[in-house]
Amino acid sequence: MTYEVTLKIDEPEKIRILKTEFESLEKQRFTIKTKKDTVEITAEDATALKAILNSVCKVLIVYEKMRQIK
């Protein structure tokens, strides 16, 4: 079973940070496409989907915390 998720992201800086994070991941069970204000994720199974969404959330949480420090 294949899962597809599209995330709409309101800040270009967040997209740039996610692109950098995605480059370091092994992409055997999912694919990622970034566009101007969206990230499209396709996963082969629910476990792969959960893993990549957890990774996205962690990156965005760190980004938000760093913005609060400034």
C-alpha atoms as a PDB file:
ATOM      1  CA  MET A   1       0.000   0.000   0.000  1.00  0.00           C
ATOM      2  CA  THR A   2       1.284   3.451  -0.888  1.00  0.00           C
ATOM      3  CA  TYR A   3       0.675   6.616   1.115  1.00  0.00           C
ATOM      4  CA  GLU A   4       0.931  10.194  -0.141  1.00  0.00           C
ATOM      5  CA  VAL A   5       1.100  13.331   1.993  1.00  0.00           C
ATOM      6  CA  THR A   6       1.334  16.953   0.882  1.00  0.00           C
ATOM      7  CA  LEU A   7       2.463  19.518   3.441  1.00  0.00           C
ATOM      8  CA  LYS A   8       1.870  23.187   2.787  1.00  0.00           C
ATOM      9  CA  ILE A   9       4.621  25.202   4.442  1.00  0.00           C
ATOM     10  CA  ASP A  10       4.278  28.949   4.871  1.00  0.00           C
ATOM     11  CA  GLU A  11       7.946  29.978   5.050  1.00  0.00           C
ATOM     12  CA  PRO A  12      10.563  29.399   2.324  1.00  0.00           C
ATOM     13  CA  GLU A  13      13.243  29.091   5.018  1.00  0.00           C
ATOM     14  CA  LYS A  14      11.505  25.994   6.404  1.00  0.00           C
ATOM     15  CA  ILE A  15      11.490  24.405   2.936  1.00  0.00           C
ATOM     16  CA  ARG A  16      15.217  25.108   2.583  1.00  0.00           C
ATOM     17  CA  ILE A  17      15.966  23.528   5.963  1.00  0.00           C
ATOM     18  CA  LEU A  18      13.860  20.469   5.144  1.00  0.00           C
ATOM     19  CA  LYS A  19      15.641  20.038   1.791  1.00  0.00           C
ATOM     20  CA  THR A  20      18.948  19.932   3.642  1.00  0.00           C
ATOM     21  CA  GLU A  21      17.595  17.341   6.059  1.00  0.00           C
ATOM     22  CA  PHE A  22      16.182  15.204   3.251  1.00  0.00           C
ATOM     23  CA  GLU A  23      19.569  15.021   1.522  1.00  0.00           C
ATOM     24  CA  SER A  24      20.997  13.080   4.470  1.00  0.00           C
ATOM     25  CA  LEU A  25      18.200  10.484   4.617  1.00  0.00           C
ATOM     26  CA  GLU A  26      18.189   7.073   2.974  1.00  0.00           C
ATOM     27  CA  LYS A  27      15.277   7.148   0.568  1.00  0.00           C
ATOM     28  CA  GLN A  28      14.637   3.463   0.010  1.00  0.00           C
ATOM     29  CA  ARG A  29      11.004   3.324   1.102  1.00  0.00           C
ATOM     30  CA  PHE A  30       9.834   6.859   0.388  1.00  0.00           C
ATOM     31  CA  THR A  31      10.253   9.752  -2.040  1.00  0.00           C
ATOM     32  CA  ILE A  32      10.192  13.461  -1.333  1.00  0.00           C
ATOM     33  CA  LYS A  33       9.545  16.352  -3.705  1.00  0.00           C
ATOM     34  CA  THR A  34       9.863  19.952  -2.603  1.00  0.00           C
ATOM     35  CA  LYS A  35       8.213  22.827  -4.380  1.00  0.00           C
ATOM     36  CA  LYS A  36       7.860  26.528  -3.669  1.00  0.00           C
ATOM     37  CA  ASP A  37       5.494  26.135  -0.709  1.00  0.00           C
ATOM     38  CA  THR A  38       4.814  22.401  -0.464  1.00  0.00           C
ATOM     39  CA  VAL A  39       6.549  19.161   0.381  1.00  0.00           C
ATOM     40  CA  GLU A  40       5.148  16.002  -1.235  1.00  0.00           C
ATOM     41  CA  ILE A  41       5.960  12.689   0.456  1.00  0.00           C
ATOM     42  CA  THR A  42       5.177   9.254  -0.941  1.00  0.00           C
ATOM     43  CA  ALA A  43       5.829   6.248   1.281  1.00  0.00           C
ATOM     44  CA  GLU A  44       5.675   2.542   0.491  1.00  0.00           C
ATOM     45  CA  ASP A  45       4.168   1.624   3.867  1.00  0.00           C
ATOM     46  CA  ALA A  46       2.881   3.121   7.104  1.00  0.00           C
ATOM     47  CA  THR A  47       6.170   2.589   8.927  1.00  0.00           C
ATOM     48  CA  ALA A  48       8.124   4.561   6.333  1.00  0.00           C
ATOM     49  CA  LEU A  49       5.478   7.292   6.401  1.00  0.00           C
ATOM     50  CA  LYS A  50       5.689   7.545  10.184  1.00  0.00           C
ATOM     51  CA  ALA A  51       9.487   7.716  10.071  1.00  0.00           C
ATOM     52  CA  ILE A  52       9.642  10.548   7.549  1.00  0.00           C
ATOM     53  CA  LEU A  53       6.835  12.541   9.187  1.00  0.00           C
ATOM     54  CA  ASN A  54       8.597  12.213  12.554  1.00  0.00           C
ATOM     55  CA  SER A  55      11.763  13.516  10.931  1.00  0.00           C
ATOM     56  CA  VAL A  56       9.909  16.474   9.406  1.00  0.00           C
ATOM     57  CA  CYS A  57       8.265  17.315  12.729  1.00  0.00           C
ATOM     58  CA  LYS A  58      11.554  17.162  14.625  1.00  0.00           C
ATOM     59  CA  VAL A  59      13.233  19.520  12.163  1.00  0.00           C
ATOM     60  CA  LEU A  60      10.355  21.993  12.334  1.00  0.00           C
ATOM     61  CA  ILE A  61      10.278  21.870  16.146  1.00  0.00           C
ATOM     62  CA  VAL A  62      13.994  22.669  16.305  1.00  0.00           C
ATOM     63  CA  TYR A  63      13.501  25.493  13.788  1.00  0.00           C
ATOM     64  CA  GLU A  64      10.700  27.028  15.860  1.00  0.00           C
ATOM     65  CA  LYS A  65      12.713  26.775  19.083  1.00  0.00           C
ATOM     66  CA  MET A  66      15.712  28.423  17.428  1.00  0.00           C
ATOM     67  CA  ARG A  67      13.520  31.318  16.268  1.00  0.00           C
ATOM     68  CA  GLN A  68      12.338  31.870  19.839  1.00  0.00           C
ATOM     69  CA  ILE A  69      15.930  32.184  21.045  1.00  0.00           C
ATOM     70  CA  LYS A  70      16.737  35.060  18.674  1.00  0.00           C
END
